[in-house]
All heavy atoms as atom14 arrays in JSON, in Angstrom:
{
  "sequence": "VRDVTVRFGGIVALDAISFDVARGHICGLIGPNGAGKTTLFNCLSRLY",
  "atom14_mask": [
    [1, 1, 1, 1, 1, 1, 1, 0, 0, 0, 0, 0, 0, 0],
    [1, 1, 1, 1, 1, 1, 1, 1, 1, 1, 1, 0, 0, 0],
    [1, 1, 1, 1, 1, 1, 1, 1, 0, 0, 0, 0, 0, 0],
    [1, 1, 1, 1, 1, 1, 1, 0, 0, 0, 0, 0, 0, 0],
    [1, 1, 1, 1, 1, 1, 1, 0, 0, 0, 0, 0, 0, 0],
    [1, 1, 1, 1, 1, 1, 1, 0, 0, 0, 0, 0, 0, 0],
    [1, 1, 1, 1, 1, 1, 1, 1, 1, 1, 1, 0, 0, 0],
    [1, 1, 1, 1, 1, 1, 1, 1, 1, 1, 1, 0, 0, 0],
    [1, 1, 1, 1, 0, 0, 0, 0, 0, 0, 0, 0, 0, 0],
    [1, 1, 1, 1, 0, 0, 0, 0, 0, 0, 0, 0, 0, 0],
    [1, 1, 1, 1, 1, 1, 1, 1, 0, 0, 0, 0, 0, 0],
    [1, 1, 1, 1, 1, 1, 1, 0, 0, 0, 0, 0, 0, 0],
    [1, 1, 1, 1, 1, 0, 0, 0, 0, 0, 0, 0, 0, 0],
    [1, 1, 1, 1, 1, 1, 1, 1, 0, 0, 0, 0, 0, 0],
    [1, 1, 1, 1, 1, 1, 1, 1, 0, 0, 0, 0, 0, 0],
    [1, 1, 1, 1, 1, 0, 0, 0, 0, 0, 0, 0, 0, 0],
    [1, 1, 1, 1, 1, 1, 1, 1, 0, 0, 0, 0, 0, 0],
    [1, 1, 1, 1, 1, 1, 0, 0, 0, 0, 0, 0, 0, 0],
    [1, 1, 1, 1, 1, 1, 1, 1, 1, 1, 1, 0, 0, 0],
    [1, 1, 1, 1, 1, 1, 1, 1, 0, 0, 0, 0, 0, 0],
    [1, 1, 1, 1, 1, 1, 1, 0, 0, 0, 0, 0, 0, 0],
    [1, 1, 1, 1, 1, 0, 0, 0, 0, 0, 0, 0, 0, 0],
    [1, 1, 1, 1, 1, 1, 1, 1, 1, 1, 1, 0, 0, 0],
    [1, 1, 1, 1, 0, 0, 0, 0, 0, 0, 0, 0, 0, 0],
    [1, 1, 1, 1, 1, 1, 1, 1, 1, 1, 0, 0, 0, 0],
    [1, 1, 1, 1, 1, 1, 1, 1, 0, 0, 0, 0, 0, 0],
    [1, 1, 1, 1, 1, 1, 0, 0, 0, 0, 0, 0, 0, 0],
    [1, 1, 1, 1, 0, 0, 0, 0, 0, 0, 0, 0, 0, 0],
    [1, 1, 1, 1, 1, 1, 1, 1, 0, 0, 0, 0, 0, 0],
    [1, 1, 1, 1, 1, 1, 1, 1, 0, 0, 0, 0, 0, 0],
    [1, 1, 1, 1, 0, 0, 0, 0, 0, 0, 0, 0, 0, 0],
    [1, 1, 1, 1, 1, 1, 1, 0, 0, 0, 0, 0, 0, 0],
    [1, 1, 1, 1, 1, 1, 1, 1, 0, 0, 0, 0, 0, 0],
    [1, 1, 1, 1, 0, 0, 0, 0, 0, 0, 0, 0, 0, 0],
    [1, 1, 1, 1, 1, 0, 0, 0, 0, 0, 0, 0, 0, 0],
    [1, 1, 1, 1, 0, 0, 0, 0, 0, 0, 0, 0, 0, 0],
    [1, 1, 1, 1, 1, 1, 1, 1, 1, 0, 0, 0, 0, 0],
    [1, 1, 1, 1, 1, 1, 1, 0, 0, 0, 0, 0, 0, 0],
    [1, 1, 1, 1, 1, 1, 1, 0, 0, 0, 0, 0, 0, 0],
    [1, 1, 1, 1, 1, 1, 1, 1, 0, 0, 0, 0, 0, 0],
    [1, 1, 1, 1, 1, 1, 1, 1, 1, 1, 1, 0, 0, 0],
    [1, 1, 1, 1, 1, 1, 1, 1, 0, 0, 0, 0, 0, 0],
    [1, 1, 1, 1, 1, 1, 0, 0, 0, 0, 0, 0, 0, 0],
    [1, 1, 1, 1, 1, 1, 1, 1, 0, 0, 0, 0, 0, 0],
    [1, 1, 1, 1, 1, 1, 0, 0, 0, 0, 0, 0, 0, 0],
    [1, 1, 1, 1, 1, 1, 1, 1, 1, 1, 1, 0, 0, 0],
    [1, 1, 1, 1, 1, 1, 1, 1, 0, 0, 0, 0, 0, 0],
    [1, 1, 1, 1, 1, 1, 1, 1, 1, 1, 1, 1, 0, 0]
  ],
  "atom14_positions": [
    [[-3.16, -10.09, 56.35], [-3.22, -8.56, 55.96], [-4.58, -8.23, 55.69], [-5.31, -8.73, 54.81], [-2.29, -8.2, 54.74], [-2.31, -6.81, 54.4], [-0.97, -8.77, 55.06], [0.0, 0.0, 0.0], [0.0, 0.0, 0.0], [0.0, 0.0, 0.0], [0.0, 0.0, 0.0], [0.0, 0.0, 0.0], [0.0, 0.0, 0.0], [0.0, 0.0, 0.0]],
    [[-5.1, -7.1, 56.35], [-6.6, -6.79, 56.16], [-6.69, -5.22, 55.85], [-6.33, -4.43, 56.79], [-7.32, -7.19, 57.39], [-7.7, -8.62, 57.38], [-8.68, -9.04, 56.33], [-8.92, -10.44, 56.34], [-8.12, -11.28, 55.6], [-7.12, -10.91, 54.92], [-8.49, -12.57, 55.57], [0.0, 0.0, 0.0], [0.0, 0.0, 0.0], [0.0, 0.0, 0.0]],
    [[-7.14, -4.94, 54.71], [-7.56, -3.66, 54.4], [-6.41, -2.48, 54.67], [-6.68, -1.51, 55.05], [-8.78, -3.13, 55.15], [-9.93, -3.98, 54.68], [-10.07, -4.29, 53.61], [-10.79, -4.3, 55.65], [0.0, 0.0, 0.0], [0.0, 0.0, 0.0], [0.0, 0.0, 0.0], [0.0, 0.0, 0.0], [0.0, 0.0, 0.0], [0.0, 0.0, 0.0]],
    [[-5.2, -2.91, 54.51], [-4.09, -2.06, 54.75], [-4.0, -0.9, 53.72], [-3.88, -1.21, 52.54], [-2.65, -2.82, 54.89], [-1.59, -1.82, 54.86], [-2.67, -3.71, 56.1], [0.0, 0.0, 0.0], [0.0, 0.0, 0.0], [0.0, 0.0, 0.0], [0.0, 0.0, 0.0], [0.0, 0.0, 0.0], [0.0, 0.0, 0.0], [0.0, 0.0, 0.0]],
    [[-3.98, 0.34, 54.32], [-4.0, 1.57, 53.5], [-2.84, 2.43, 53.8], [-2.73, 2.82, 55.01], [-5.35, 2.28, 53.49], [-6.32, 1.41, 53.1], [-5.3, 3.54, 52.54], [0.0, 0.0, 0.0], [0.0, 0.0, 0.0], [0.0, 0.0, 0.0], [0.0, 0.0, 0.0], [0.0, 0.0, 0.0], [0.0, 0.0, 0.0], [0.0, 0.0, 0.0]],
    [[-2.08, 2.97, 52.83], [-0.9, 3.83, 53.08], [-0.96, 4.9, 52.08], [-1.17, 4.75, 50.85], [0.43, 3.02, 52.91], [1.64, 4.05, 53.04], [0.61, 2.02, 54.07], [0.0, 0.0, 0.0], [0.0, 0.0, 0.0], [0.0, 0.0, 0.0], [0.0, 0.0, 0.0], [0.0, 0.0, 0.0], [0.0, 0.0, 0.0], [0.0, 0.0, 0.0]],
    [[-0.9, 6.14, 52.57], [-0.78, 7.4, 51.78], [0.49, 8.13, 51.95], [0.91, 8.25, 53.09], [-2.08, 8.21, 51.91], [-3.38, 7.66, 51.52], [-4.47, 8.67, 51.7], [-5.75, 8.16, 51.22], [-6.58, 7.41, 51.96], [-6.28, 7.03, 53.17], [-7.68, 7.01, 51.42], [0.0, 0.0, 0.0], [0.0, 0.0, 0.0], [0.0, 0.0, 0.0]],
    [[1.04, 8.55, 50.98], [2.19, 9.58, 50.97], [1.76, 10.87, 50.42], [1.72, 11.08, 49.21], [3.45, 9.0, 50.28], [3.96, 7.67, 50.82], [4.0, 6.53, 50.07], [4.48, 7.65, 52.15], [4.42, 5.46, 50.5], [4.9, 6.37, 52.64], [4.98, 5.38, 51.78], [0.0, 0.0, 0.0], [0.0, 0.0, 0.0], [0.0, 0.0, 0.0]],
    [[1.27, 11.78, 51.26], [0.71, 12.99, 50.76], [-0.53, 12.71, 50.17], [-1.46, 12.14, 50.56], [0.0, 0.0, 0.0], [0.0, 0.0, 0.0], [0.0, 0.0, 0.0], [0.0, 0.0, 0.0], [0.0, 0.0, 0.0], [0.0, 0.0, 0.0], [0.0, 0.0, 0.0], [0.0, 0.0, 0.0], [0.0, 0.0, 0.0], [0.0, 0.0, 0.0]],
    [[-0.72, 13.12, 48.76], [-1.94, 12.79, 48.09], [-1.88, 11.47, 47.34], [-2.81, 11.21, 46.52], [0.0, 0.0, 0.0], [0.0, 0.0, 0.0], [0.0, 0.0, 0.0], [0.0, 0.0, 0.0], [0.0, 0.0, 0.0], [0.0, 0.0, 0.0], [0.0, 0.0, 0.0], [0.0, 0.0, 0.0], [0.0, 0.0, 0.0], [0.0, 0.0, 0.0]],
    [[-0.7, 10.72, 47.41], [-0.58, 9.53, 46.72], [-0.98, 8.28, 47.56], [-0.52, 8.22, 48.68], [0.97, 9.32, 46.25], [1.28, 10.51, 45.27], [1.1, 7.99, 45.6], [2.69, 10.52, 44.96], [0.0, 0.0, 0.0], [0.0, 0.0, 0.0], [0.0, 0.0, 0.0], [0.0, 0.0, 0.0], [0.0, 0.0, 0.0], [0.0, 0.0, 0.0]],
    [[-1.89, 7.47, 47.02], [-2.26, 6.27, 47.68], [-1.33, 5.15, 47.26], [-1.39, 4.67, 46.12], [-3.71, 5.89, 47.31], [-4.01, 4.64, 48.1], [-4.69, 6.98, 47.66], [0.0, 0.0, 0.0], [0.0, 0.0, 0.0], [0.0, 0.0, 0.0], [0.0, 0.0, 0.0], [0.0, 0.0, 0.0], [0.0, 0.0, 0.0], [0.0, 0.0, 0.0]],
    [[-0.39, 4.75, 48.12], [0.6, 3.76, 47.9], [-0.04, 2.36, 48.03], [0.39, 1.44, 47.25], [1.77, 3.91, 48.77], [0.0, 0.0, 0.0], [0.0, 0.0, 0.0], [0.0, 0.0, 0.0], [0.0, 0.0, 0.0], [0.0, 0.0, 0.0], [0.0, 0.0, 0.0], [0.0, 0.0, 0.0], [0.0, 0.0, 0.0], [0.0, 0.0, 0.0]],
    [[-0.9, 2.15, 48.98], [-1.58, 0.92, 49.18], [-2.97, 1.28, 49.42], [-3.38, 2.07, 50.27], [-1.05, 0.2, 50.39], [0.44, -0.4, 50.23], [0.86, -1.15, 51.57], [0.42, -1.44, 49.04], [0.0, 0.0, 0.0], [0.0, 0.0, 0.0], [0.0, 0.0, 0.0], [0.0, 0.0, 0.0], [0.0, 0.0, 0.0], [0.0, 0.0, 0.0]],
    [[-4.02, 0.57, 48.7], [-5.35, 0.96, 48.8], [-6.18, -0.29, 49.24], [-6.46, -1.24, 48.51], [-5.74, 1.28, 47.43], [-7.35, 1.84, 47.38], [-7.82, 1.91, 48.54], [-7.73, 2.19, 46.33], [0.0, 0.0, 0.0], [0.0, 0.0, 0.0], [0.0, 0.0, 0.0], [0.0, 0.0, 0.0], [0.0, 0.0, 0.0], [0.0, 0.0, 0.0]],
    [[-6.24, -0.41, 50.65], [-7.19, -1.38, 51.19], [-6.67, -2.87, 50.82], [-7.46, -3.7, 50.29], [-8.59, -1.28, 50.84], [0.0, 0.0, 0.0], [0.0, 0.0, 0.0], [0.0, 0.0, 0.0], [0.0, 0.0, 0.0], [0.0, 0.0, 0.0], [0.0, 0.0, 0.0], [0.0, 0.0, 0.0], [0.0, 0.0, 0.0], [0.0, 0.0, 0.0]],
    [[-5.43, -3.19, 50.96], [-4.83, -4.53, 50.55], [-5.18, -5.52, 51.6], [-4.88, -5.43, 52.74], [-3.29, -4.35, 50.44], [-2.9, -3.48, 49.27], [-2.73, -5.77, 50.03], [-3.39, -3.77, 47.83], [0.0, 0.0, 0.0], [0.0, 0.0, 0.0], [0.0, 0.0, 0.0], [0.0, 0.0, 0.0], [0.0, 0.0, 0.0], [0.0, 0.0, 0.0]],
    [[-5.75, -6.62, 51.05], [-6.05, -7.87, 52.0], [-5.53, -9.12, 51.25], [-5.69, -9.37, 50.15], [-7.44, -7.98, 52.21], [-7.98, -6.81, 52.96], [0.0, 0.0, 0.0], [0.0, 0.0, 0.0], [0.0, 0.0, 0.0], [0.0, 0.0, 0.0], [0.0, 0.0, 0.0], [0.0, 0.0, 0.0], [0.0, 0.0, 0.0], [0.0, 0.0, 0.0]],
    [[-4.83, -9.94, 52.1], [-4.54, -11.38, 51.71], [-4.12, -12.12, 52.91], [-3.65, -11.53, 53.96], [-3.62, -11.38, 50.51], [-2.15, -10.77, 50.78], [-1.15, -11.8, 51.37], [-1.89, -9.54, 50.67], [0.04, -11.25, 51.69], [-0.65, -9.02, 51.03], [0.37, -9.86, 51.45], [0.0, 0.0, 0.0], [0.0, 0.0, 0.0], [0.0, 0.0, 0.0]],
    [[-3.99, -13.42, 52.76], [-3.52, -14.33, 53.84], [-2.23, -15.06, 53.27], [-2.09, -15.31, 52.12], [-4.52, -15.36, 54.31], [-5.68, -14.7, 54.94], [-5.51, -13.55, 55.51], [-6.74, -15.39, 54.97], [0.0, 0.0, 0.0], [0.0, 0.0, 0.0], [0.0, 0.0, 0.0], [0.0, 0.0, 0.0], [0.0, 0.0, 0.0], [0.0, 0.0, 0.0]],
    [[-1.38, -15.34, 54.2], [-0.23, -16.27, 53.86], [-0.32, -17.48, 54.77], [-0.26, -17.4, 56.09], [1.16, -15.56, 53.98], [2.19, -16.65, 53.7], [1.23, -14.35, 53.11], [0.0, 0.0, 0.0], [0.0, 0.0, 0.0], [0.0, 0.0, 0.0], [0.0, 0.0, 0.0], [0.0, 0.0, 0.0], [0.0, 0.0, 0.0], [0.0, 0.0, 0.0]],
    [[-0.63, -18.65, 54.23], [-0.76, -19.93, 55.04], [0.55, -20.37, 55.58], [1.62, -20.19, 54.95], [-1.4, -20.98, 54.3], [0.0, 0.0, 0.0], [0.0, 0.0, 0.0], [0.0, 0.0, 0.0], [0.0, 0.0, 0.0], [0.0, 0.0, 0.0], [0.0, 0.0, 0.0], [0.0, 0.0, 0.0], [0.0, 0.0, 0.0], [0.0, 0.0, 0.0]],
    [[0.52, -20.87, 56.82], [1.78, -21.43, 57.42], [2.36, -22.58, 56.59], [1.54, -23.39, 56.04], [1.44, -22.0, 58.75], [2.6, -22.38, 59.67], [2.11, -22.92, 60.99], [1.33, -22.08, 61.75], [1.87, -21.19, 62.64], [3.05, -21.09, 62.84], [1.06, -20.31, 63.19], [0.0, 0.0, 0.0], [0.0, 0.0, 0.0], [0.0, 0.0, 0.0]],
    [[3.63, -22.49, 56.21], [4.22, -23.54, 55.49], [4.17, -23.36, 53.97], [4.52, -24.16, 53.23], [0.0, 0.0, 0.0], [0.0, 0.0, 0.0], [0.0, 0.0, 0.0], [0.0, 0.0, 0.0], [0.0, 0.0, 0.0], [0.0, 0.0, 0.0], [0.0, 0.0, 0.0], [0.0, 0.0, 0.0], [0.0, 0.0, 0.0], [0.0, 0.0, 0.0]],
    [[3.66, -22.15, 53.55], [3.57, -21.8, 52.1], [4.65, -20.88, 51.71], [5.34, -20.14, 52.47], [2.15, -21.23, 51.77], [1.08, -22.16, 51.56], [-0.09, -21.84, 50.87], [1.03, -23.45, 51.86], [-0.87, -22.97, 50.83], [-0.27, -23.84, 51.44], [0.0, 0.0, 0.0], [0.0, 0.0, 0.0], [0.0, 0.0, 0.0], [0.0, 0.0, 0.0]],
    [[4.88, -20.86, 50.41], [5.8, -19.78, 49.73], [4.73, -18.91, 48.94], [4.03, -19.44, 48.0], [6.81, -20.38, 48.78], [7.81, -21.27, 49.55], [7.49, -19.36, 48.07], [8.7, -22.14, 48.66], [0.0, 0.0, 0.0], [0.0, 0.0, 0.0], [0.0, 0.0, 0.0], [0.0, 0.0, 0.0], [0.0, 0.0, 0.0], [0.0, 0.0, 0.0]],
    [[4.56, -17.75, 49.32], [3.7, -16.76, 48.67], [4.52, -15.72, 47.89], [5.42, -14.98, 48.4], [2.78, -16.13, 49.72], [1.5, -14.93, 48.95], [0.0, 0.0, 0.0], [0.0, 0.0, 0.0], [0.0, 0.0, 0.0], [0.0, 0.0, 0.0], [0.0, 0.0, 0.0], [0.0, 0.0, 0.0], [0.0, 0.0, 0.0], [0.0, 0.0, 0.0]],
    [[4.13, -15.6, 46.58], [4.85, -14.57, 45.74], [4.01, -13.21, 45.77], [2.81, -13.35, 45.74], [0.0, 0.0, 0.0], [0.0, 0.0, 0.0], [0.0, 0.0, 0.0], [0.0, 0.0, 0.0], [0.0, 0.0, 0.0], [0.0, 0.0, 0.0], [0.0, 0.0, 0.0], [0.0, 0.0, 0.0], [0.0, 0.0, 0.0], [0.0, 0.0, 0.0]],
    [[4.66, -12.21, 45.8], [4.03, -10.76, 45.76], [4.66, -10.1, 44.54], [5.89, -9.79, 44.5], [4.32, -10.06, 47.06], [3.59, -8.69, 47.14], [2.14, -8.87, 47.21], [4.16, -8.0, 48.48], [0.0, 0.0, 0.0], [0.0, 0.0, 0.0], [0.0, 0.0, 0.0], [0.0, 0.0, 0.0], [0.0, 0.0, 0.0], [0.0, 0.0, 0.0]],
    [[3.87, -9.92, 43.54], [4.3, -9.41, 42.26], [3.59, -8.1, 41.82], [2.56, -7.73, 42.45], [4.28, -10.52, 41.13], [2.76, -10.7, 40.79], [4.89, -11.73, 41.5], [2.56, -11.57, 39.54], [0.0, 0.0, 0.0], [0.0, 0.0, 0.0], [0.0, 0.0, 0.0], [0.0, 0.0, 0.0], [0.0, 0.0, 0.0], [0.0, 0.0, 0.0]],
    [[4.21, -7.4, 40.85], [3.56, -6.2, 40.33], [4.61, -5.32, 39.6], [5.83, -5.46, 39.85], [0.0, 0.0, 0.0], [0.0, 0.0, 0.0], [0.0, 0.0, 0.0], [0.0, 0.0, 0.0], [0.0, 0.0, 0.0], [0.0, 0.0, 0.0], [0.0, 0.0, 0.0], [0.0, 0.0, 0.0], [0.0, 0.0, 0.0], [0.0, 0.0, 0.0]],
    [[4.2, -4.54, 38.69], [5.12, -3.66, 38.05], [5.79, -2.76, 39.03], [5.32, -2.6, 40.26], [4.28, -2.83, 37.09], [3.02, -3.72, 36.97], [2.82, -4.39, 38.23], [0.0, 0.0, 0.0], [0.0, 0.0, 0.0], [0.0, 0.0, 0.0], [0.0, 0.0, 0.0], [0.0, 0.0, 0.0], [0.0, 0.0, 0.0], [0.0, 0.0, 0.0]],
    [[6.86, -1.94, 38.6], [7.45, -0.94, 39.47], [6.41, 0.05, 40.01], [5.49, 0.46, 39.2], [8.57, -0.24, 38.72], [9.84, -1.12, 38.46], [10.06, -2.04, 39.27], [10.56, -0.87, 37.4], [0.0, 0.0, 0.0], [0.0, 0.0, 0.0], [0.0, 0.0, 0.0], [0.0, 0.0, 0.0], [0.0, 0.0, 0.0], [0.0, 0.0, 0.0]],
    [[6.45, 0.38, 41.24], [5.49, 1.23, 41.7], [4.08, 0.62, 42.15], [3.15, 1.43, 42.53], [0.0, 0.0, 0.0], [0.0, 0.0, 0.0], [0.0, 0.0, 0.0], [0.0, 0.0, 0.0], [0.0, 0.0, 0.0], [0.0, 0.0, 0.0], [0.0, 0.0, 0.0], [0.0, 0.0, 0.0], [0.0, 0.0, 0.0], [0.0, 0.0, 0.0]],
    [[4.03, -0.59, 42.15], [2.77, -1.23, 42.41], [2.43, -1.19, 43.93], [1.39, -1.37, 44.33], [2.82, -2.79, 41.98], [0.0, 0.0, 0.0], [0.0, 0.0, 0.0], [0.0, 0.0, 0.0], [0.0, 0.0, 0.0], [0.0, 0.0, 0.0], [0.0, 0.0, 0.0], [0.0, 0.0, 0.0], [0.0, 0.0, 0.0], [0.0, 0.0, 0.0]],
    [[3.48, -1.09, 44.77], [3.29, -1.06, 46.25], [3.88, -2.13, 47.03], [3.62, -2.32, 48.29], [0.0, 0.0, 0.0], [0.0, 0.0, 0.0], [0.0, 0.0, 0.0], [0.0, 0.0, 0.0], [0.0, 0.0, 0.0], [0.0, 0.0, 0.0], [0.0, 0.0, 0.0], [0.0, 0.0, 0.0], [0.0, 0.0, 0.0], [0.0, 0.0, 0.0]],
    [[4.68, -3.02, 46.3], [5.26, -4.21, 46.95], [6.21, -3.91, 48.18], [6.07, -4.46, 49.21], [5.97, -4.97, 45.96], [5.08, -5.45, 44.66], [5.9, -6.29, 43.73], [7.24, -5.63, 43.17], [6.9, -4.47, 42.36], [0.0, 0.0, 0.0], [0.0, 0.0, 0.0], [0.0, 0.0, 0.0], [0.0, 0.0, 0.0], [0.0, 0.0, 0.0]],
    [[7.08, -2.99, 47.9], [8.2, -2.65, 48.87], [7.45, -1.91, 50.03], [7.77, -2.09, 51.15], [9.21, -1.83, 48.31], [9.98, -2.59, 47.3], [10.26, -1.4, 49.37], [0.0, 0.0, 0.0], [0.0, 0.0, 0.0], [0.0, 0.0, 0.0], [0.0, 0.0, 0.0], [0.0, 0.0, 0.0], [0.0, 0.0, 0.0], [0.0, 0.0, 0.0]],
    [[6.44, -1.07, 49.7], [5.73, -0.34, 50.72], [5.08, -1.3, 51.67], [5.06, -1.17, 52.91], [4.56, 0.55, 50.11], [5.13, 1.57, 49.26], [3.77, 1.26, 51.22], [0.0, 0.0, 0.0], [0.0, 0.0, 0.0], [0.0, 0.0, 0.0], [0.0, 0.0, 0.0], [0.0, 0.0, 0.0], [0.0, 0.0, 0.0], [0.0, 0.0, 0.0]],
    [[4.4, -2.49, 51.08], [3.77, -3.44, 51.89], [4.81, -4.14, 52.78], [4.61, -4.36, 53.98], [3.13, -4.39, 51.09], [2.3, -5.5, 51.77], [1.39, -5.08, 52.76], [1.66, -6.53, 50.86], [0.0, 0.0, 0.0], [0.0, 0.0, 0.0], [0.0, 0.0, 0.0], [0.0, 0.0, 0.0], [0.0, 0.0, 0.0], [0.0, 0.0, 0.0]],
    [[6.05, -4.48, 52.21], [7.11, -5.13, 53.03], [7.54, -4.23, 54.17], [7.78, -4.69, 55.34], [8.25, -5.41, 52.08], [8.36, -6.77, 51.79], [7.26, -7.67, 51.54], [9.66, -7.44, 51.61], [7.35, -8.99, 51.16], [9.79, -8.79, 51.25], [8.7, -9.48, 50.98], [0.0, 0.0, 0.0], [0.0, 0.0, 0.0], [0.0, 0.0, 0.0]],
    [[7.51, -2.88, 53.87], [7.96, -1.93, 54.96], [6.93, -1.91, 56.04], [7.13, -1.55, 57.19], [8.2, -0.57, 54.36], [9.52, -0.63, 53.65], [10.41, -1.43, 53.84], [9.77, 0.42, 52.65], [0.0, 0.0, 0.0], [0.0, 0.0, 0.0], [0.0, 0.0, 0.0], [0.0, 0.0, 0.0], [0.0, 0.0, 0.0], [0.0, 0.0, 0.0]],
    [[5.63, -2.02, 55.7], [4.67, -2.11, 56.65], [4.71, -3.33, 57.49], [4.48, -3.34, 58.67], [3.22, -2.19, 55.96], [2.71, -0.59, 55.3], [0.0, 0.0, 0.0], [0.0, 0.0, 0.0], [0.0, 0.0, 0.0], [0.0, 0.0, 0.0], [0.0, 0.0, 0.0], [0.0, 0.0, 0.0], [0.0, 0.0, 0.0], [0.0, 0.0, 0.0]],
    [[5.04, -4.49, 56.91], [5.17, -5.74, 57.57], [6.39, -5.66, 58.46], [6.37, -6.23, 59.55], [5.42, -6.9, 56.62], [4.13, -7.27, 55.79], [4.57, -8.21, 54.7], [3.03, -7.83, 56.67], [0.0, 0.0, 0.0], [0.0, 0.0, 0.0], [0.0, 0.0, 0.0], [0.0, 0.0, 0.0], [0.0, 0.0, 0.0], [0.0, 0.0, 0.0]],
    [[7.46, -4.84, 58.11], [8.62, -4.75, 58.99], [8.5, -3.52, 59.95], [9.36, -3.26, 60.84], [9.84, -4.45, 58.13], [10.04, -5.47, 57.16], [0.0, 0.0, 0.0], [0.0, 0.0, 0.0], [0.0, 0.0, 0.0], [0.0, 0.0, 0.0], [0.0, 0.0, 0.0], [0.0, 0.0, 0.0], [0.0, 0.0, 0.0], [0.0, 0.0, 0.0]],
    [[7.38, -2.92, 59.95], [7.05, -1.73, 60.81], [7.98, -0.6, 60.55], [8.08, 0.27, 61.53], [7.12, -2.17, 62.35], [6.09, -3.25, 62.67], [4.65, -2.83, 62.59], [4.33, -1.64, 63.5], [3.75, -0.58, 63.18], [3.44, -0.28, 61.88], [3.52, 0.38, 64.03], [0.0, 0.0, 0.0], [0.0, 0.0, 0.0], [0.0, 0.0, 0.0]],
    [[8.56, -0.54, 59.36], [9.18, 0.72, 58.92], [8.27, 1.79, 58.56], [8.58, 2.96, 58.6], [10.24, 0.29, 57.76], [11.24, -0.65, 58.23], [12.14, -1.09, 56.92], [12.2, -0.22, 59.35], [0.0, 0.0, 0.0], [0.0, 0.0, 0.0], [0.0, 0.0, 0.0], [0.0, 0.0, 0.0], [0.0, 0.0, 0.0], [0.0, 0.0, 0.0]],
    [[7.11, 1.36, 58.01], [6.1, 2.32, 57.65], [4.86, 2.11, 58.52], [4.61, 0.94, 58.89], [5.64, 2.19, 56.16], [6.62, 2.59, 55.12], [6.46, 2.34, 53.83], [7.84, 3.26, 55.41], [7.33, 2.83, 52.84], [8.68, 3.71, 54.48], [8.4, 3.46, 53.14], [9.33, 3.82, 52.14], [0.0, 0.0, 0.0], [0.0, 0.0, 0.0]]
  ]
}
């Protein structure tokens, strides 16, 4: 994931997010409510 940015109107839901997931790893994605986790998942699923 490289510099992924998502805006909903004037709200920045994801601000230049970058990270890698290595093959064969379990990677946790955490954060408080509204942190952008589900938005990122929806980008990975091509829903957003």
